[in-house]
Protein backbone atom coordinates (compact mmCIF):
# COMPACT_ATOMS: atom_id res chain seq x y z
CA MET A 1 193.88 40.49 39.89
CA SER A 2 197.50 40.66 38.80
CA LEU A 3 199.81 43.34 37.50
CA ALA A 4 201.88 43.20 34.33
CA ALA A 5 204.92 45.44 33.88
CA VAL A 6 204.62 47.36 30.61
CA MET A 7 206.99 50.32 30.90
CA ILE A 8 209.82 51.73 32.96
CA THR A 9 209.59 55.52 33.31
CA VAL A 10 212.52 57.84 33.99
CA ASP A 11 212.05 61.31 35.45
CA CYS A 12 214.21 63.84 33.62
CA ALA A 13 214.59 67.49 32.60
CA GLU A 14 214.61 66.95 28.81
CA PRO A 15 212.43 63.95 27.89
CA LYS A 16 212.70 64.22 24.10
CA GLU A 17 216.50 64.44 24.10
CA LEU A 18 216.89 61.59 26.57
CA ALA A 19 214.31 59.44 24.76
CA GLN A 20 216.18 59.94 21.48
CA TRP A 21 219.42 58.83 23.14
CA TRP A 22 217.81 55.75 24.63
CA ALA A 23 216.07 54.88 21.34
CA VAL A 24 219.49 54.64 19.69
CA ALA A 25 220.99 52.82 22.69
CA VAL A 26 218.33 50.07 22.76
CA GLY A 27 217.60 49.93 19.03
CA GLY A 28 214.07 51.23 19.53
CA GLU A 29 212.20 54.24 18.24
CA ILE A 30 210.08 57.06 19.56
CA ALA A 31 206.62 55.49 19.76
CA GLU A 32 204.77 58.46 21.30
CA ASP A 33 205.76 62.07 21.91
CA HIS A 34 203.47 64.03 24.22
CA GLY A 35 205.98 66.83 24.85
CA ASP A 36 206.54 66.32 28.58
CA PHE A 37 206.21 62.54 28.26
CA VAL A 38 207.94 60.54 25.52
CA ILE A 39 207.78 56.76 25.03
CA VAL A 40 210.44 54.63 23.36
CA SER A 41 209.51 51.22 21.98
CA ALA A 42 211.90 48.70 23.52
CA GLN A 43 211.94 45.04 24.44
CA PRO A 44 210.80 43.59 26.77
CA LEU A 45 209.36 46.82 28.22
CA ALA A 46 208.76 50.27 26.76
CA LEU A 47 210.82 53.14 28.21
CA GLY A 48 209.07 56.34 29.24
CA PHE A 49 210.73 59.71 29.82
CA GLN A 50 208.79 62.22 31.88
CA ARG A 51 209.67 65.86 32.48
CA VAL A 52 209.98 66.81 36.15
CA ALA A 53 211.01 70.13 37.64
CA GLU A 54 213.23 68.68 40.37
CA GLU A 55 216.84 67.72 39.74
CA ARG A 56 217.95 64.21 40.60
CA ARG A 57 219.74 64.10 43.92
CA GLY A 58 221.91 61.21 44.98
CA LYS A 59 221.97 57.68 43.68
CA ASN A 60 219.05 56.22 41.74
CA ARG A 61 216.89 54.05 44.00
CA VAL A 62 215.89 51.92 40.99
CA HIS A 63 217.87 51.25 37.84
CA ILE A 64 217.57 49.14 34.71
CA ASP A 65 219.82 46.14 34.06
CA PHE A 66 220.49 45.20 30.45
CA GLY A 67 221.98 41.98 29.14
CA VAL A 68 224.39 42.17 26.22
CA ALA A 69 222.99 40.68 23.01
CA SER A 70 224.31 37.34 21.85
CA GLY A 71 227.39 37.73 19.68
CA THR A 72 228.45 40.98 21.37
CA SER A 73 230.94 41.23 24.22
CA LEU A 74 230.47 43.38 27.30
CA ALA A 75 233.51 45.44 26.27
CA GLU A 76 232.07 46.07 22.79
CA GLU A 77 228.72 47.18 24.20
CA VAL A 78 230.38 49.48 26.75
CA GLU A 79 232.46 51.03 23.96
CA ARG A 80 229.34 51.57 21.82
CA LEU A 81 227.41 53.21 24.66
CA VAL A 82 230.34 55.45 25.62
CA ALA A 83 230.59 56.56 21.98
CA LEU A 84 226.89 57.52 22.20
CA GLY A 85 227.53 59.65 25.30
CA ALA A 86 227.21 57.29 28.27
CA SER A 87 229.89 57.04 30.94
CA VAL A 88 231.21 54.14 33.01
CA VAL A 89 231.00 54.70 36.76
CA GLY A 90 231.87 51.26 38.10
CA GLU A 91 232.49 47.59 37.56
CA HIS A 92 231.41 44.74 39.81
CA SER A 93 231.90 41.02 39.77
CA VAL A 94 230.62 37.99 41.63
CA PRO A 95 231.34 34.38 40.68
CA GLY A 96 229.84 33.85 37.22
CA LEU A 97 228.73 37.46 36.63
CA THR A 98 230.51 40.71 35.78
CA TRP A 99 228.68 43.97 35.13
CA LYS A 100 229.37 47.62 34.45
CA VAL A 101 227.51 50.48 36.09
CA MET A 102 226.97 53.27 33.59
CA GLN A 103 225.23 56.62 33.36
CA ASP A 104 223.22 57.96 30.44
CA PRO A 105 223.91 61.57 29.32
CA ALA A 106 221.50 62.87 32.00
CA GLY A 107 223.28 60.98 34.79
CA ASN A 108 220.74 58.16 35.25
CA GLU A 109 222.45 54.94 36.24
CA PHE A 110 221.96 51.61 34.49
CA CYS A 111 223.89 48.36 34.40
CA ILE A 112 224.93 46.05 31.60
CA HIS A 113 226.17 42.50 31.86
């Protein structure tokens, strides 16, 4: 038996709003809307947004890393995401790799490089 990753799910207060934001951010679309659970078609994995009653506390224990599409610079992608409502919370670099830590409008962290 083996497992195959098919979706990353984010707990949030407003799944439809956050799913719509992410659909624009990743160039996907709302694939399923079940009210408290909304799925965005994305590559290579779908993104799920699930309503939870609890507020997020502290730093995310898991986050998504995105690579910038060929032909686009990191700076251009950061600018695009900020214009959509994301915020930059940090920048890191190791030899051969630089990435930005960002937050979506609900405060969920993700990285792009």
